[in-house]
């Protein structure tokens, strides 16, 4: 497992990754077997080969692991942000985002709609929807307008 600082991503990116990616799917890329159903398991977030120090919880579009050794909850995006799976969160998010319909994108980015913006903002919002600018850049532009 790669030791590195956690990569910072936007809440939108992480929510989309957690919704569409499962632990099993992501861990398959690094050759780690993972249970299909909610069950005790070895924690993939630290070296742990003697005891099943975690519990996997699975609901539709909502998975998490609770590690008893660390007393910490992990979501699928942590495999990316902590470097366990060698893909950047932004790359995975972009691949998913490009395949979503406009209606699906609006559901995930609904928090942006709470702001009142003028015509000038539409170009930036379209760039955001096309993954040309990141979520926090969009919020910065909004804040500065």
N, C-alpha and C. Protein backbone atom coordinates (compact mmCIF):
# COMPACT_ATOMS: atom_id res chain seq x y z
N UNK A 1 0.83 -1.18 0.00
CA UNK A 1 0.00 0.00 0.00
C UNK A 1 0.88 1.25 0.00
N UNK A 2 0.49 2.23 -0.74
CA UNK A 2 1.26 3.45 -0.91
C UNK A 2 1.02 4.38 0.27
N UNK A 3 2.10 4.86 0.86
CA UNK A 3 1.95 5.83 1.93
C UNK A 3 2.11 7.22 1.33
N UNK A 4 1.09 8.03 1.44
CA UNK A 4 1.17 9.40 0.96
C UNK A 4 0.07 10.20 1.64
N UNK A 5 0.20 11.50 1.56
CA UNK A 5 -0.85 12.35 2.10
C UNK A 5 -2.11 12.17 1.28
N UNK A 6 -3.23 12.32 1.94
CA UNK A 6 -4.50 12.19 1.25
C UNK A 6 -4.64 13.29 0.21
N UNK A 7 -5.04 12.92 -1.00
CA UNK A 7 -5.27 13.87 -2.09
C UNK A 7 -6.58 14.59 -1.82
N UNK A 8 -6.58 15.90 -1.96
CA UNK A 8 -7.79 16.69 -1.71
C UNK A 8 -8.62 16.75 -2.99
N UNK A 9 -9.89 16.40 -2.88
CA UNK A 9 -10.83 16.48 -3.99
C UNK A 9 -12.07 17.20 -3.50
N UNK A 10 -12.91 17.56 -4.44
CA UNK A 10 -14.12 18.27 -4.05
C UNK A 10 -15.15 17.30 -3.50
N UNK A 11 -16.06 17.84 -2.73
CA UNK A 11 -17.13 17.02 -2.17
C UNK A 11 -17.97 16.41 -3.29
N UNK A 12 -18.21 17.15 -4.34
CA UNK A 12 -18.97 16.63 -5.48
C UNK A 12 -18.25 15.42 -6.07
N UNK A 13 -16.96 15.54 -6.32
CA UNK A 13 -16.20 14.42 -6.89
C UNK A 13 -16.29 13.18 -6.00
N UNK A 14 -16.11 13.38 -4.70
CA UNK A 14 -16.13 12.26 -3.78
C UNK A 14 -17.51 11.62 -3.69
N UNK A 15 -18.56 12.43 -3.68
CA UNK A 15 -19.92 11.89 -3.64
C UNK A 15 -20.23 11.06 -4.88
N UNK A 16 -19.82 11.54 -6.03
CA UNK A 16 -20.06 10.81 -7.29
C UNK A 16 -19.28 9.50 -7.28
N UNK A 17 -18.02 9.54 -6.87
CA UNK A 17 -17.21 8.32 -6.80
C UNK A 17 -17.84 7.32 -5.84
N UNK A 18 -18.24 7.76 -4.67
CA UNK A 18 -18.83 6.86 -3.68
C UNK A 18 -20.15 6.27 -4.17
N UNK A 19 -20.89 7.03 -4.94
CA UNK A 19 -22.18 6.56 -5.44
C UNK A 19 -22.01 5.48 -6.51
N UNK A 20 -21.03 5.66 -7.39
CA UNK A 20 -20.90 4.77 -8.54
C UNK A 20 -19.83 3.68 -8.40
N UNK A 21 -18.86 3.87 -7.53
CA UNK A 21 -17.77 2.89 -7.39
C UNK A 21 -17.92 2.09 -6.11
N UNK A 22 -17.68 0.79 -6.22
CA UNK A 22 -17.72 -0.06 -5.03
C UNK A 22 -16.30 -0.39 -4.59
N UNK A 23 -16.16 -0.82 -3.33
CA UNK A 23 -14.85 -1.26 -2.85
C UNK A 23 -14.36 -2.43 -3.71
N UNK A 24 -15.23 -3.39 -3.99
CA UNK A 24 -14.85 -4.55 -4.77
C UNK A 24 -14.31 -4.14 -6.14
N UNK A 25 -15.01 -3.24 -6.81
CA UNK A 25 -14.60 -2.78 -8.14
C UNK A 25 -13.23 -2.11 -8.09
N UNK A 26 -13.03 -1.20 -7.15
CA UNK A 26 -11.75 -0.48 -7.07
C UNK A 26 -10.61 -1.38 -6.62
N UNK A 27 -10.85 -2.24 -5.63
CA UNK A 27 -9.79 -3.11 -5.13
C UNK A 27 -9.39 -4.18 -6.14
N UNK A 28 -10.27 -4.50 -7.05
CA UNK A 28 -9.95 -5.44 -8.11
C UNK A 28 -8.74 -4.97 -8.93
N UNK A 29 -8.57 -3.65 -9.04
CA UNK A 29 -7.44 -3.10 -9.81
C UNK A 29 -6.09 -3.35 -9.15
N UNK A 30 -6.08 -3.61 -7.85
CA UNK A 30 -4.82 -3.88 -7.17
C UNK A 30 -4.75 -5.33 -6.68
N UNK A 31 -5.66 -6.17 -7.19
CA UNK A 31 -5.61 -7.59 -6.89
C UNK A 31 -6.01 -7.98 -5.48
N UNK A 32 -6.85 -7.18 -4.83
CA UNK A 32 -7.29 -7.49 -3.47
C UNK A 32 -8.70 -8.07 -3.52
N UNK A 33 -8.86 -9.26 -2.94
CA UNK A 33 -10.18 -9.88 -2.84
C UNK A 33 -10.98 -9.14 -1.78
N UNK A 34 -12.26 -8.98 -2.04
CA UNK A 34 -13.09 -8.25 -1.08
C UNK A 34 -14.45 -8.91 -0.99
N UNK A 35 -15.07 -8.94 0.20
CA UNK A 35 -16.37 -9.61 0.34
C UNK A 35 -17.47 -8.93 -0.49
N UNK A 36 -18.42 -9.74 -0.94
CA UNK A 36 -19.53 -9.22 -1.73
C UNK A 36 -20.63 -8.65 -0.84
N UNK A 37 -20.74 -9.15 0.37
CA UNK A 37 -21.82 -8.74 1.27
C UNK A 37 -21.25 -8.14 2.54
N UNK A 38 -22.10 -7.49 3.30
CA UNK A 38 -21.69 -6.93 4.59
C UNK A 38 -21.11 -8.05 5.45
N UNK A 39 -19.88 -7.85 5.91
CA UNK A 39 -19.21 -8.89 6.69
C UNK A 39 -17.93 -8.35 7.30
N UNK A 40 -17.41 -9.05 8.33
CA UNK A 40 -16.07 -8.70 8.82
C UNK A 40 -15.05 -8.94 7.71
N UNK A 41 -14.00 -8.13 7.67
CA UNK A 41 -13.01 -8.26 6.61
C UNK A 41 -11.66 -7.72 7.08
N UNK A 42 -10.64 -8.00 6.27
CA UNK A 42 -9.35 -7.38 6.50
C UNK A 42 -9.44 -5.94 6.02
N UNK A 43 -8.87 -5.02 6.78
CA UNK A 43 -8.95 -3.61 6.42
C UNK A 43 -7.93 -3.30 5.32
N UNK A 44 -8.39 -2.83 4.16
CA UNK A 44 -7.45 -2.52 3.08
C UNK A 44 -6.67 -1.22 3.28
N UNK A 45 -6.94 -0.52 4.38
CA UNK A 45 -6.29 0.78 4.60
C UNK A 45 -5.05 0.70 5.48
N UNK A 46 -4.72 -0.49 5.95
CA UNK A 46 -3.47 -0.67 6.67
C UNK A 46 -3.08 -2.14 6.60
N UNK A 47 -1.81 -2.43 6.90
CA UNK A 47 -1.34 -3.82 6.87
C UNK A 47 -2.10 -4.59 7.95
N UNK A 48 -2.79 -5.62 7.53
CA UNK A 48 -3.65 -6.35 8.44
C UNK A 48 -3.92 -7.72 7.83
N UNK A 49 -3.14 -8.73 8.26
CA UNK A 49 -3.30 -10.06 7.67
C UNK A 49 -3.63 -11.14 8.69
N UNK A 50 -3.66 -10.82 9.97
CA UNK A 50 -3.91 -11.84 10.99
C UNK A 50 -5.36 -11.86 11.46
N UNK A 51 -5.95 -10.70 11.60
CA UNK A 51 -7.33 -10.66 12.09
C UNK A 51 -8.18 -9.77 11.20
N UNK A 52 -9.43 -10.07 11.12
CA UNK A 52 -10.37 -9.25 10.36
C UNK A 52 -10.73 -8.05 11.23
N UNK A 53 -10.00 -6.97 11.04
CA UNK A 53 -10.09 -5.81 11.92
C UNK A 53 -11.09 -4.76 11.44
N UNK A 54 -11.92 -5.12 10.46
CA UNK A 54 -12.87 -4.15 9.94
C UNK A 54 -14.19 -4.84 9.64
N UNK A 55 -15.21 -4.03 9.49
CA UNK A 55 -16.52 -4.54 9.07
C UNK A 55 -16.94 -3.75 7.84
N UNK A 56 -17.38 -4.50 6.83
CA UNK A 56 -17.84 -3.91 5.58
C UNK A 56 -19.36 -3.80 5.63
N UNK A 57 -19.86 -2.61 5.34
CA UNK A 57 -21.30 -2.35 5.31
C UNK A 57 -21.69 -2.00 3.89
N UNK A 58 -22.71 -2.67 3.39
CA UNK A 58 -23.10 -2.47 2.00
C UNK A 58 -24.60 -2.25 1.89
N UNK A 59 -24.94 -1.12 1.28
CA UNK A 59 -26.30 -0.82 0.88
C UNK A 59 -26.19 -0.32 -0.55
N UNK A 60 -27.29 -0.24 -1.26
CA UNK A 60 -27.23 0.22 -2.65
C UNK A 60 -26.67 1.64 -2.71
N UNK A 61 -25.60 1.83 -3.47
CA UNK A 61 -24.92 3.13 -3.66
C UNK A 61 -24.42 3.73 -2.35
N UNK A 62 -24.20 2.90 -1.35
CA UNK A 62 -23.71 3.41 -0.07
C UNK A 62 -22.91 2.31 0.63
N UNK A 63 -21.60 2.34 0.43
CA UNK A 63 -20.74 1.38 1.08
C UNK A 63 -19.76 2.10 2.00
N UNK A 64 -19.42 1.45 3.10
CA UNK A 64 -18.34 1.96 3.93
C UNK A 64 -17.73 0.80 4.72
N UNK A 65 -16.52 1.04 5.15
CA UNK A 65 -15.80 0.10 6.00
C UNK A 65 -15.54 0.81 7.32
N UNK A 66 -15.80 0.10 8.40
CA UNK A 66 -15.42 0.63 9.70
C UNK A 66 -14.24 -0.18 10.18
N UNK A 67 -13.11 0.48 10.39
CA UNK A 67 -11.89 -0.17 10.86
C UNK A 67 -11.86 -0.06 12.39
N UNK A 68 -11.90 -1.21 13.06
CA UNK A 68 -11.90 -1.23 14.53
C UNK A 68 -10.53 -0.82 15.08
N UNK A 69 -9.46 -1.19 14.38
CA UNK A 69 -8.11 -0.85 14.85
C UNK A 69 -7.88 0.66 14.87
N UNK A 70 -8.43 1.35 13.87
CA UNK A 70 -8.24 2.80 13.78
C UNK A 70 -9.45 3.58 14.29
N UNK A 71 -10.54 2.88 14.57
CA UNK A 71 -11.81 3.53 14.95
C UNK A 71 -12.17 4.60 13.93
N UNK A 72 -12.15 4.19 12.65
CA UNK A 72 -12.36 5.14 11.57
C UNK A 72 -13.22 4.51 10.48
N UNK A 73 -14.06 5.35 9.86
CA UNK A 73 -14.90 4.91 8.75
C UNK A 73 -14.28 5.34 7.43
N UNK A 74 -14.29 4.44 6.46
CA UNK A 74 -13.77 4.73 5.13
C UNK A 74 -14.85 4.51 4.08
N UNK A 75 -14.81 5.31 3.02
CA UNK A 75 -15.70 5.18 1.87
C UNK A 75 -14.83 4.77 0.67
N UNK A 76 -15.47 4.34 -0.45
CA UNK A 76 -14.66 3.94 -1.61
C UNK A 76 -13.67 5.01 -2.08
N UNK A 77 -14.03 6.29 -2.01
CA UNK A 77 -13.10 7.32 -2.50
C UNK A 77 -11.79 7.34 -1.74
N UNK A 78 -11.76 6.86 -0.51
CA UNK A 78 -10.51 6.84 0.26
C UNK A 78 -9.46 5.95 -0.40
N UNK A 79 -9.89 4.92 -1.12
CA UNK A 79 -8.93 4.08 -1.84
C UNK A 79 -8.15 4.90 -2.87
N UNK A 80 -8.79 5.92 -3.42
CA UNK A 80 -8.15 6.79 -4.41
C UNK A 80 -7.37 7.91 -3.73
N UNK A 81 -7.99 8.58 -2.76
CA UNK A 81 -7.34 9.74 -2.14
C UNK A 81 -6.13 9.36 -1.30
N UNK A 82 -6.10 8.11 -0.84
CA UNK A 82 -4.95 7.65 -0.04
C UNK A 82 -3.92 6.90 -0.90
N UNK A 83 -4.17 6.80 -2.19
CA UNK A 83 -3.20 6.19 -3.09
C UNK A 83 -3.16 4.67 -3.07
N UNK A 84 -4.17 4.02 -2.52
CA UNK A 84 -4.19 2.55 -2.48
C UNK A 84 -4.48 2.00 -3.88
N UNK A 85 -5.38 2.65 -4.58
CA UNK A 85 -5.67 2.33 -5.98
C UNK A 85 -5.05 3.45 -6.81
N UNK A 86 -4.25 3.09 -7.82
CA UNK A 86 -3.42 4.09 -8.51
C UNK A 86 -4.13 4.93 -9.58
N UNK A 87 -5.28 5.47 -9.25
CA UNK A 87 -5.98 6.39 -10.14
C UNK A 87 -6.28 7.65 -9.36
N UNK A 88 -6.23 8.79 -10.02
CA UNK A 88 -6.55 10.03 -9.32
C UNK A 88 -8.07 10.14 -9.18
N UNK A 89 -8.54 10.68 -8.06
CA UNK A 89 -9.99 10.88 -7.90
C UNK A 89 -10.57 11.71 -9.04
N UNK A 90 -9.81 12.71 -9.51
CA UNK A 90 -10.31 13.56 -10.59
C UNK A 90 -10.50 12.77 -11.87
N UNK A 91 -9.59 11.85 -12.16
CA UNK A 91 -9.69 11.02 -13.36
C UNK A 91 -10.92 10.12 -13.28
N UNK A 92 -11.14 9.48 -12.15
CA UNK A 92 -12.29 8.59 -11.98
C UNK A 92 -13.58 9.40 -12.05
N UNK A 93 -13.60 10.54 -11.35
CA UNK A 93 -14.78 11.40 -11.39
C UNK A 93 -15.10 11.83 -12.82
N UNK A 94 -14.08 12.28 -13.55
CA UNK A 94 -14.30 12.76 -14.92
C UNK A 94 -14.86 11.65 -15.81
N UNK A 95 -14.34 10.43 -15.65
CA UNK A 95 -14.82 9.31 -16.47
C UNK A 95 -16.30 9.03 -16.17
N UNK A 96 -16.68 9.12 -14.92
CA UNK A 96 -18.09 8.90 -14.55
C UNK A 96 -18.94 10.06 -15.03
N UNK A 97 -18.48 11.29 -14.75
CA UNK A 97 -19.26 12.50 -15.03
C UNK A 97 -19.60 12.62 -16.51
N UNK A 98 -18.66 12.27 -17.37
CA UNK A 98 -18.88 12.38 -18.81
C UNK A 98 -19.97 11.45 -19.30
N UNK A 99 -20.25 10.40 -18.55
CA UNK A 99 -21.27 9.42 -18.96
C UNK A 99 -22.65 9.71 -18.36
N UNK A 100 -22.75 10.71 -17.50
CA UNK A 100 -24.03 11.02 -16.86
C UNK A 100 -24.88 11.93 -17.75
N UNK A 101 -26.18 11.78 -17.62
CA UNK A 101 -27.09 12.68 -18.32
C UNK A 101 -27.09 14.03 -17.61
N UNK A 102 -27.62 15.04 -18.26
CA UNK A 102 -27.71 16.36 -17.63
C UNK A 102 -28.57 16.30 -16.37
N UNK A 103 -29.63 15.52 -16.40
CA UNK A 103 -30.49 15.38 -15.21
C UNK A 103 -29.72 14.77 -14.04
N UNK A 104 -28.90 13.75 -14.32
CA UNK A 104 -28.11 13.13 -13.26
C UNK A 104 -27.07 14.12 -12.73
N UNK A 105 -26.45 14.87 -13.63
CA UNK A 105 -25.47 15.87 -13.19
C UNK A 105 -26.13 16.92 -12.31
N UNK A 106 -27.32 17.33 -12.66
CA UNK A 106 -28.03 18.33 -11.87
C UNK A 106 -28.36 17.83 -10.47
N UNK A 107 -28.65 16.54 -10.35
CA UNK A 107 -28.92 15.97 -9.02
C UNK A 107 -27.68 16.10 -8.14
N UNK A 108 -26.52 15.72 -8.69
CA UNK A 108 -25.28 15.77 -7.90
C UNK A 108 -24.79 17.18 -7.65
N UNK A 109 -25.00 18.09 -8.58
CA UNK A 109 -24.48 19.44 -8.41
C UNK A 109 -25.57 20.41 -7.97
N UNK A 110 -26.64 19.91 -7.40
CA UNK A 110 -27.77 20.74 -6.98
C UNK A 110 -27.40 21.84 -6.01
N UNK A 111 -26.36 21.63 -5.22
CA UNK A 111 -25.98 22.67 -4.27
C UNK A 111 -25.54 23.94 -4.97
N UNK A 112 -25.07 23.84 -6.21
CA UNK A 112 -24.70 25.04 -6.96
C UNK A 112 -25.92 25.88 -7.33
N UNK A 113 -27.05 25.21 -7.48
CA UNK A 113 -28.26 25.90 -7.93
C UNK A 113 -28.85 26.81 -6.85
N UNK A 114 -28.37 26.69 -5.63
CA UNK A 114 -28.89 27.51 -4.54
C UNK A 114 -28.43 28.96 -4.66
N UNK A 115 -27.40 29.20 -5.45
CA UNK A 115 -26.85 30.55 -5.59
C UNK A 115 -27.55 31.28 -6.74
N UNK A 116 -27.78 32.55 -6.57
CA UNK A 116 -28.37 33.36 -7.64
C UNK A 116 -27.23 33.93 -8.46
N UNK A 117 -27.22 33.60 -9.73
CA UNK A 117 -26.12 34.04 -10.59
C UNK A 117 -26.68 34.68 -11.85
N UNK A 118 -25.88 35.54 -12.46
CA UNK A 118 -26.29 36.22 -13.68
C UNK A 118 -25.85 35.46 -14.91
N UNK A 119 -26.08 36.07 -16.07
CA UNK A 119 -25.77 35.43 -17.35
C UNK A 119 -24.28 35.10 -17.46
N UNK A 120 -23.41 35.96 -16.94
CA UNK A 120 -21.98 35.75 -17.09
C UNK A 120 -21.51 34.42 -16.50
N UNK A 121 -22.25 33.91 -15.56
CA UNK A 121 -21.85 32.69 -14.88
C UNK A 121 -22.09 31.44 -15.73
N UNK A 122 -23.00 31.49 -16.69
CA UNK A 122 -23.38 30.29 -17.44
C UNK A 122 -22.19 29.66 -18.17
N UNK A 123 -21.28 30.48 -18.69
CA UNK A 123 -20.10 29.93 -19.38
C UNK A 123 -19.26 29.10 -18.41
N UNK A 124 -19.05 29.62 -17.20
CA UNK A 124 -18.25 28.90 -16.21
C UNK A 124 -18.95 27.62 -15.77
N UNK A 125 -20.26 27.71 -15.58
CA UNK A 125 -21.01 26.53 -15.16
C UNK A 125 -20.96 25.45 -16.25
N UNK A 126 -21.05 25.85 -17.50
CA UNK A 126 -20.94 24.88 -18.59
C UNK A 126 -19.55 24.26 -18.64
N UNK A 127 -18.52 25.08 -18.41
CA UNK A 127 -17.15 24.55 -18.34
C UNK A 127 -17.04 23.53 -17.20
N UNK A 128 -17.66 23.82 -16.08
CA UNK A 128 -17.65 22.92 -14.94
C UNK A 128 -18.34 21.60 -15.31
N UNK A 129 -19.49 21.68 -15.95
CA UNK A 129 -20.23 20.47 -16.33
C UNK A 129 -19.43 19.62 -17.31
N UNK A 130 -18.57 20.25 -18.09
CA UNK A 130 -17.74 19.52 -19.06
C UNK A 130 -16.39 19.13 -18.46
N UNK A 131 -16.24 19.33 -17.15
CA UNK A 131 -15.01 18.98 -16.43
C UNK A 131 -13.80 19.80 -16.87
N UNK A 132 -14.04 21.01 -17.38
CA UNK A 132 -12.93 21.88 -17.77
C UNK A 132 -12.41 22.69 -16.59
N UNK A 133 -13.27 22.93 -15.60
CA UNK A 133 -12.83 23.57 -14.35
C UNK A 133 -13.36 22.74 -13.19
N UNK A 134 -12.66 22.83 -12.06
CA UNK A 134 -13.03 22.04 -10.87
C UNK A 134 -14.11 22.77 -10.06
N UNK A 135 -14.75 22.03 -9.20
CA UNK A 135 -15.83 22.52 -8.36
C UNK A 135 -15.43 23.75 -7.53
N UNK A 136 -14.27 23.67 -6.85
CA UNK A 136 -13.86 24.80 -6.01
C UNK A 136 -13.50 26.02 -6.84
N UNK A 137 -12.99 25.80 -8.05
CA UNK A 137 -12.73 26.94 -8.94
C UNK A 137 -14.04 27.62 -9.30
N UNK A 138 -15.07 26.83 -9.57
CA UNK A 138 -16.38 27.37 -9.88
C UNK A 138 -16.93 28.16 -8.70
N UNK A 139 -16.80 27.62 -7.52
CA UNK A 139 -17.29 28.34 -6.33
C UNK A 139 -16.51 29.63 -6.10
N UNK A 140 -15.22 29.60 -6.40
CA UNK A 140 -14.39 30.82 -6.28
C UNK A 140 -14.89 31.90 -7.24
N UNK A 141 -15.16 31.49 -8.47
CA UNK A 141 -15.65 32.44 -9.46
C UNK A 141 -16.99 33.01 -9.01
N UNK A 142 -17.83 32.14 -8.49
CA UNK A 142 -19.14 32.56 -8.00
C UNK A 142 -18.99 33.55 -6.84
N UNK A 143 -18.11 33.22 -5.92
CA UNK A 143 -17.88 34.08 -4.75
C UNK A 143 -17.36 35.47 -5.17
N UNK A 144 -16.49 35.49 -6.17
CA UNK A 144 -15.88 36.74 -6.61
C UNK A 144 -16.78 37.55 -7.52
N UNK A 145 -17.90 36.99 -8.00
CA UNK A 145 -18.76 37.73 -8.92
C UNK A 145 -19.77 38.60 -8.19
